[in-house]
Protein backbone atom coordinates (compact mmCIF):
# COMPACT_ATOMS: atom_id res chain seq x y z
CA MET A 1 10.52 133.77 120.83
CA MET A 2 10.71 130.55 122.96
CA LYS A 3 7.03 130.07 123.77
CA TYR A 4 6.30 127.85 120.77
CA PRO A 5 9.14 125.34 121.40
CA VAL A 6 8.17 125.18 125.07
CA SER A 7 4.55 124.57 124.16
CA LEU A 8 5.59 121.84 121.76
CA PHE A 9 7.76 120.24 124.46
CA LEU A 10 4.85 120.21 126.92
CA LEU A 11 2.57 118.63 124.33
CA VAL A 12 5.04 115.82 123.63
CA PHE A 13 5.60 115.28 127.38
CA LEU A 14 1.89 114.98 128.11
CA CYS A 15 1.37 112.53 125.25
CA THR A 16 4.20 110.24 126.35
CA CYS A 17 3.15 110.26 130.03
CA GLY A 18 -0.57 109.72 129.49
CA PRO A 19 -2.63 106.54 129.94
CA ALA A 20 -1.49 103.32 128.28
CA THR A 21 -2.75 102.75 124.77
CA ASP A 22 -5.42 100.16 124.00
CA ASN A 23 -2.73 97.88 122.58
CA THR A 24 -0.83 97.89 125.87
CA VAL A 25 -3.99 96.99 127.80
CA GLN A 26 -4.76 94.17 125.38
CA ASN A 27 -1.26 92.73 125.69
CA THR A 28 -1.56 92.66 129.48
CA THR A 29 -4.90 90.88 129.24
CA ASP A 30 -3.44 88.24 126.92
CA ALA A 31 -0.55 87.66 129.30
CA GLU A 32 -2.93 87.20 132.22
CA ALA A 33 -5.01 84.78 130.15
CA ASN A 34 -1.92 82.71 129.43
CA ASP A 35 -1.28 82.41 133.18
CA ARG A 36 -4.64 80.75 133.82
CA PRO A 37 -4.64 76.96 134.30
CA LYS A 38 -5.56 75.19 131.06
CA VAL A 39 -7.88 72.19 131.30
CA VAL A 40 -8.22 69.95 128.24
CA PHE A 41 -11.18 67.57 127.99
CA VAL A 42 -10.55 64.50 125.83
CA THR A 43 -13.96 63.11 124.82
CA GLY A 44 -14.83 60.26 122.51
CA ASP A 45 -17.31 57.61 123.56
CA GLU A 46 -20.18 56.16 121.57
CA GLU A 47 -22.35 55.21 124.55
CA TYR A 48 -22.52 57.76 127.37
CA ARG A 49 -22.85 61.14 125.62
CA SER A 50 -19.57 62.56 126.89
CA GLU A 51 -19.86 64.99 123.96
CA GLU A 52 -22.73 66.55 125.93
CA SER A 53 -21.69 66.18 129.58
CA MET A 54 -18.08 67.32 129.26
CA PRO A 55 -18.68 70.68 127.51
CA MET A 56 -21.40 71.33 130.09
CA LEU A 57 -18.86 70.62 132.82
CA ALA A 58 -16.27 72.83 131.11
CA LYS A 59 -18.68 75.79 131.19
CA MET A 60 -19.36 75.26 134.89
CA LEU A 61 -15.66 74.97 135.56
CA GLU A 62 -14.97 78.32 133.92
CA ASN A 63 -17.80 79.80 135.98
CA ASN A 64 -16.18 78.51 139.20
CA MET A 65 -12.49 79.03 138.54
CA ASP A 66 -10.18 81.32 136.64
CA VAL A 67 -9.29 78.65 134.08
CA GLN A 68 -9.36 78.21 130.34
CA THR A 69 -10.94 75.05 128.94
CA VAL A 70 -10.57 73.16 125.67
CA VAL A 71 -12.81 70.27 124.59
CA GLY A 72 -11.71 67.74 121.99
CA TYR A 73 -14.25 65.53 120.19
CA SER A 74 -14.55 62.66 117.80
CA LEU A 75 -15.53 64.37 114.55
CA ASP A 76 -16.51 63.29 111.06
CA SER A 77 -14.73 64.56 107.95
CA THR A 78 -16.90 67.69 107.86
CA GLY A 79 -16.16 68.73 111.46
CA VAL A 80 -19.47 67.48 112.91
CA ILE A 81 -19.39 65.58 116.21
CA ASP A 82 -19.54 61.83 115.55
CA PRO A 83 -18.91 59.68 118.66
CA ASN A 84 -18.85 56.58 116.45
CA ASN A 85 -15.60 57.67 114.81
CA LEU A 86 -13.14 55.62 116.83
CA TYR A 87 -10.10 56.82 114.92
CA SER A 88 -9.73 60.51 115.70
CA ILE A 89 -10.09 63.03 118.53
CA SER A 90 -9.69 66.72 117.83
CA ARG A 91 -7.44 69.23 119.59
CA LEU A 92 -5.05 66.75 121.18
CA ASP A 93 -2.21 69.17 120.39
CA GLU A 94 -3.62 71.31 123.22
CA LEU A 95 -2.34 68.73 125.72
CA GLU A 96 1.23 69.87 125.15
CA ASP A 97 0.88 72.84 127.50
CA ALA A 98 -2.21 71.73 129.45
CA ASP A 99 -2.30 71.85 133.25
CA LEU A 100 -4.96 69.13 133.53
CA MET A 101 -6.22 66.36 131.23
CA VAL A 102 -9.80 65.13 131.70
CA VAL A 103 -10.57 61.87 129.88
CA PHE A 104 -14.00 60.48 129.03
CA ALA A 105 -13.32 58.18 126.09
CA ARG A 106 -14.18 54.60 125.19
CA TYR A 107 -12.53 51.95 123.02
CA ARG A 108 -10.71 54.43 120.78
CA GLN A 109 -8.44 53.08 118.04
CA LEU A 110 -6.46 56.26 117.52
CA PRO A 111 -3.44 56.39 115.23
CA ALA A 112 -0.20 55.97 117.16
CA GLU A 113 0.70 59.66 116.91
CA MET A 114 -2.65 60.69 118.43
CA ALA A 115 -2.50 58.10 121.21
CA LYS A 116 1.01 59.30 122.01
CA LYS A 117 -0.24 62.80 122.76
CA ILE A 118 -2.46 61.34 125.48
CA THR A 119 0.14 58.99 126.89
CA ASP A 120 2.89 61.62 126.75
CA TYR A 121 0.71 63.86 128.88
CA ALA A 122 0.20 61.03 131.39
CA GLU A 123 3.95 60.42 131.60
CA SER A 124 4.65 64.11 132.21
CA GLY A 125 3.54 64.05 135.85
CA ARG A 126 0.72 66.54 135.35
CA PRO A 127 -2.68 65.82 136.97
CA MET A 128 -5.51 63.83 135.42
CA VAL A 129 -9.22 63.23 135.89
CA GLY A 130 -11.07 60.27 134.39
CA PHE A 131 -14.73 59.36 133.97
CA ARG A 132 -16.31 55.92 133.66
CA THR A 133 -15.07 54.45 130.35
CA ALA A 134 -11.58 55.85 130.74
CA THR A 135 -10.93 52.41 132.28
CA HIS A 136 -11.09 51.31 128.64
CA THR A 137 -10.03 54.43 126.76
CA PHE A 138 -8.32 52.36 124.05
CA LYS A 139 -9.07 49.09 122.28
CA TYR A 140 -6.55 47.97 119.68
CA LEU A 141 -7.42 44.69 117.96
CA GLU A 142 -5.49 44.47 114.71
CA GLU A 143 -2.05 42.92 114.36
CA LYS A 144 -0.68 46.14 112.89
CA ASP A 145 -1.47 47.82 116.23
CA SER A 146 0.16 45.15 118.40
CA ALA A 147 2.63 47.65 119.84
CA LEU A 148 -0.31 49.70 121.14
CA MET A 149 -2.22 46.85 122.76
CA THR A 150 -0.66 47.55 126.15
CA LEU A 151 -2.91 50.62 126.20
CA ASN A 152 -6.01 48.41 126.28
CA ASP A 153 -5.65 47.14 129.87
CA ASP A 154 -2.23 47.88 131.36
CA TRP A 155 -2.31 51.63 130.73
CA PRO A 156 -5.66 52.45 132.39
CA THR A 157 -4.88 50.14 135.30
CA LYS A 158 -1.65 51.98 136.07
CA VAL A 159 -2.90 55.49 135.31
CA PHE A 160 -6.53 55.51 136.49
CA GLY A 161 -6.57 52.58 138.90
CA GLN A 162 -8.41 49.84 137.02
CA ARG A 163 -9.18 48.36 133.62
CA TRP A 164 -12.56 47.34 132.27
CA ILE A 165 -13.71 44.06 133.87
CA ILE A 166 -17.52 43.73 134.07
CA HIS A 167 -20.61 45.58 135.33
CA HIS A 168 -23.80 44.55 137.09
CA GLY A 169 -26.14 45.03 134.13
CA HIS A 170 -27.93 47.65 132.05
CA PHE A 171 -31.65 47.16 132.80
CA GLU A 172 -33.30 49.65 130.44
CA ASP A 173 -30.75 52.44 130.42
CA GLY A 174 -31.98 55.76 131.72
CA HIS A 175 -35.34 54.43 132.92
CA GLY A 176 -34.36 53.78 136.49
CA ARG A 177 -31.64 54.35 139.04
CA LEU A 178 -29.33 51.39 139.36
CA THR A 179 -26.62 52.36 141.89
CA ASP A 180 -26.95 53.69 145.43
CA VAL A 181 -24.00 56.06 146.02
CA THR A 182 -22.76 56.79 149.55
CA LEU A 183 -19.66 58.29 151.15
CA ALA A 184 -16.87 55.84 151.94
CA GLU A 185 -16.32 55.28 155.65
CA GLY A 186 -14.02 57.88 157.17
CA LYS A 187 -14.06 60.15 154.10
CA GLU A 188 -16.79 62.52 155.25
CA ASP A 189 -14.32 65.40 155.68
CA ASP A 190 -12.47 64.95 152.39
CA PRO A 191 -12.70 68.27 150.49
CA ILE A 192 -13.64 66.46 147.26
CA LEU A 193 -16.86 65.43 149.01
CA ASN A 194 -17.80 68.95 150.12
CA GLY A 195 -21.49 69.29 149.34
CA VAL A 196 -21.70 65.78 147.86
CA GLU A 197 -24.77 64.13 149.36
CA PRO A 198 -25.63 60.45 148.84
CA PHE A 199 -27.69 59.89 145.71
CA GLU A 200 -28.95 57.20 143.35
CA ALA A 201 -27.18 57.07 140.00
CA TYR A 202 -28.38 55.91 136.60
CA SER A 203 -24.97 54.32 135.99
CA TRP A 204 -24.99 50.55 136.39
CA LEU A 205 -22.27 49.54 138.79
CA TYR A 206 -18.79 48.76 137.44
CA HIS A 207 -16.82 46.01 139.15
CA VAL A 208 -13.38 47.31 140.10
CA ALA A 209 -12.46 45.58 143.38
CA GLY A 210 -13.15 42.47 145.40
CA GLY A 211 -13.17 38.83 144.40
CA GLU A 212 -9.92 38.44 142.47
CA ASP A 213 -9.45 42.16 141.74
CA ALA A 214 -8.10 45.26 143.46
CA LEU A 215 -7.59 48.90 142.57
CA SER A 216 -4.00 49.59 141.63
CA GLY A 217 -1.32 51.54 143.47
CA ASP A 218 -2.39 53.92 146.21
CA SER A 219 -6.00 54.21 145.06
CA ASP A 220 -8.08 55.58 147.94
CA PRO A 221 -11.90 55.18 147.61
CA LEU A 222 -14.06 58.21 148.37
CA LEU A 223 -17.51 56.98 147.35
CA MET A 224 -19.05 53.52 147.40
CA GLY A 225 -21.79 52.19 145.18
CA HIS A 226 -24.29 49.42 145.87
CA SER A 227 -26.01 47.76 142.93
CA LEU A 228 -29.77 48.20 143.20
CA ARG A 229 -30.39 45.66 140.46
CA SER A 230 -27.81 43.13 139.36
CA LYS A 231 -27.59 40.43 136.73
CA ILE A 232 -24.53 39.17 138.57
CA GLU A 233 -26.63 38.67 141.70
CA ALA A 234 -29.25 36.83 139.68
CA GLU A 235 -26.51 34.55 138.36
CA GLY A 236 -25.16 33.87 141.86
CA GLN A 237 -21.71 35.37 141.21
CA THR A 238 -21.53 37.99 143.95
CA ASP A 239 -18.57 36.28 145.66
CA ARG A 240 -16.56 36.94 142.52
CA TYR A 241 -18.14 40.32 141.75
CA PRO A 242 -19.44 41.90 144.99
CA MET A 243 -22.51 44.13 145.04
CA ASP A 244 -20.59 46.96 146.72
CA GLN A 245 -17.85 48.73 144.77
CA PRO A 246 -15.79 51.93 144.92
CA VAL A 247 -17.25 54.43 142.44
CA ALA A 248 -14.83 57.33 143.04
CA TRP A 249 -11.24 57.44 144.25
CA THR A 250 -8.00 59.37 144.25
CA LYS A 251 -4.56 58.02 143.46
CA THR A 252 -1.17 59.05 142.16
CA TYR A 253 0.61 58.03 138.99
CA THR A 254 4.34 58.38 138.48
CA GLY A 255 5.35 58.12 134.85
CA SER A 256 8.65 58.34 133.03
CA SER A 257 9.16 61.95 134.16
CA GLY A 258 9.56 60.75 137.74
CA THR A 259 6.98 63.29 138.91
CA SER A 260 3.99 61.98 140.84
CA ALA A 261 0.68 63.14 139.34
CA ARG A 262 -2.60 63.52 141.16
CA VAL A 263 -5.43 61.43 139.65
CA PHE A 264 -9.14 61.62 140.41
CA PHE A 265 -11.41 58.96 138.93
CA THR A 266 -15.08 58.02 139.02
CA THR A 267 -16.85 55.11 137.35
CA LEU A 268 -20.06 57.16 137.30
CA GLY A 269 -20.91 59.03 134.13
CA HIS A 270 -24.28 58.09 132.66
CA PRO A 271 -25.55 61.25 130.93
CA TYR A 272 -28.45 61.45 133.38
CA ASP A 273 -26.09 61.24 136.37
CA PHE A 274 -24.96 64.77 135.53
CA LYS A 275 -28.52 66.01 136.07
CA GLU A 276 -27.89 65.28 139.75
CA GLU A 277 -26.23 68.11 141.67
CA PRO A 278 -24.09 65.77 143.83
CA MET A 279 -22.60 64.27 140.67
CA ARG A 280 -21.75 67.68 139.25
CA LYS A 281 -20.23 68.81 142.55
CA LEU A 282 -18.17 65.61 142.70
CA ALA A 283 -16.79 66.22 139.22
CA LEU A 284 -15.94 69.87 139.86
CA ASN A 285 -14.48 69.23 143.31
CA GLY A 286 -12.35 66.44 141.85
CA ILE A 287 -10.93 68.86 139.29
CA TYR A 288 -10.14 71.39 142.02
CA TRP A 289 -8.27 68.69 143.93
CA ALA A 290 -6.38 67.42 140.90
CA LEU A 291 -5.14 70.95 140.26
CA GLY A 292 -3.92 71.20 143.87
CA MET A 293 -6.64 73.71 144.73
CA GLU A 294 -8.55 71.71 147.34
CA ASP A 295 -8.27 74.58 149.84
CA GLU A 296 -10.42 76.65 147.47
CA ILE A 297 -13.32 74.16 147.37
CA PRO A 298 -16.23 75.87 149.16
CA GLU A 299 -17.59 74.15 152.25
CA GLY A 300 -20.76 73.36 150.33
CA GLY A 301 -18.84 72.24 147.27
CA ALA A 302 -18.26 73.97 143.96
CA ASP A 303 -21.11 75.90 142.38
CA ALA A 304 -22.79 73.19 140.32
CA SER A 305 -25.35 75.45 138.65
CA ILE A 306 -25.78 74.44 135.02
CA ILE A 307 -24.89 77.19 132.56
CA GLY A 308 -27.69 77.36 130.01
CA THR A 309 -29.46 74.02 129.62
CA TYR A 310 -28.43 70.39 129.88
CA GLU A 311 -30.86 67.99 128.24
CA PRO A 312 -28.68 65.10 127.06
CA ASN A 313 -29.76 62.21 124.92
CA ASN A 314 -29.95 58.89 126.74
CA SER A 315 -27.05 56.45 126.74
CA GLY A 316 -26.83 53.84 124.04
CA PHE A 317 -25.04 52.88 120.87
CA GLY A 318 -25.60 53.60 117.21
CA ASP A 319 -27.45 56.76 116.22
CA LEU A 320 -28.70 57.83 119.65
CA TYR A 321 -26.42 60.85 119.83
CA LYS A 322 -27.52 64.33 118.65
CA LYS A 323 -26.86 64.65 114.92
CA GLY A 324 -25.39 67.60 113.07
CA VAL A 325 -23.78 69.26 116.12
CA ARG A 326 -20.54 71.16 115.67
CA PRO A 327 -18.16 71.98 118.54
CA ASP A 328 -18.39 75.40 120.13
CA ALA A 329 -16.06 77.83 118.39
CA LYS A 330 -13.69 78.43 121.30
């Protein structure tokens, strides 16, 4: 008379002690995903094709590290990438819980509430990486924006190490290499330079130090650049603007939080520079370091293999960017 209740009991027992359901597995996966470092790329420049180089770098970063990446862009009203829109960058809300902010932006005139999302991140004490025109991320000109004008020069100087000053000249962008890049003396064993061989960059050399200028705070140069062709030299102004300049450095920035943030910066960033493996390794290694993961940088540097293809448009203003491109749906 008892065999049926016993059988029923065994059936219930086996069901409750069996493998986890698909829902349980999915929840665990989501939790693990939320534990991964989150890297947010803030792009928006109308000259150097950051809308092409930064998503390429984000893909390589995900291939190297267990991270999640988000890329924000300047968009038009239909959601198409438009670097010439100075007044908006998408996905800045993602900075609220980001573990790293990467900035490649130029002369943005963002509304105060958008700019605040960037500056609030900087004040939080979390790490940052900057490329080239981040020395002039913002440019506020109108009287109504007077309260934001400190972001034009003071902010990048304190955060990234220098403001925009001058460069050694364009000389037919993308048609020749204009800067000889070498390792700074005594920095050969720095992990950020693992696998980074000297190379010639398409970026014309930015002036950041020497003459009447110096990098701010504890900026520590890693790479030096020598101008291979210079309008400043032709004008006889090399005492004021020397031909040799730091092109990559590390520093710290302590904002209102009181926490000291790691900062990696490079003035390189011409779209064709990223075709060079040393440039890609430098960028990836710098991100490792900023995240406090320098011990995980391989001896030969991060894997700088391009995922898919990278055939960027040349630098330049106006309509030289790729038209009709929408951000990846991620």
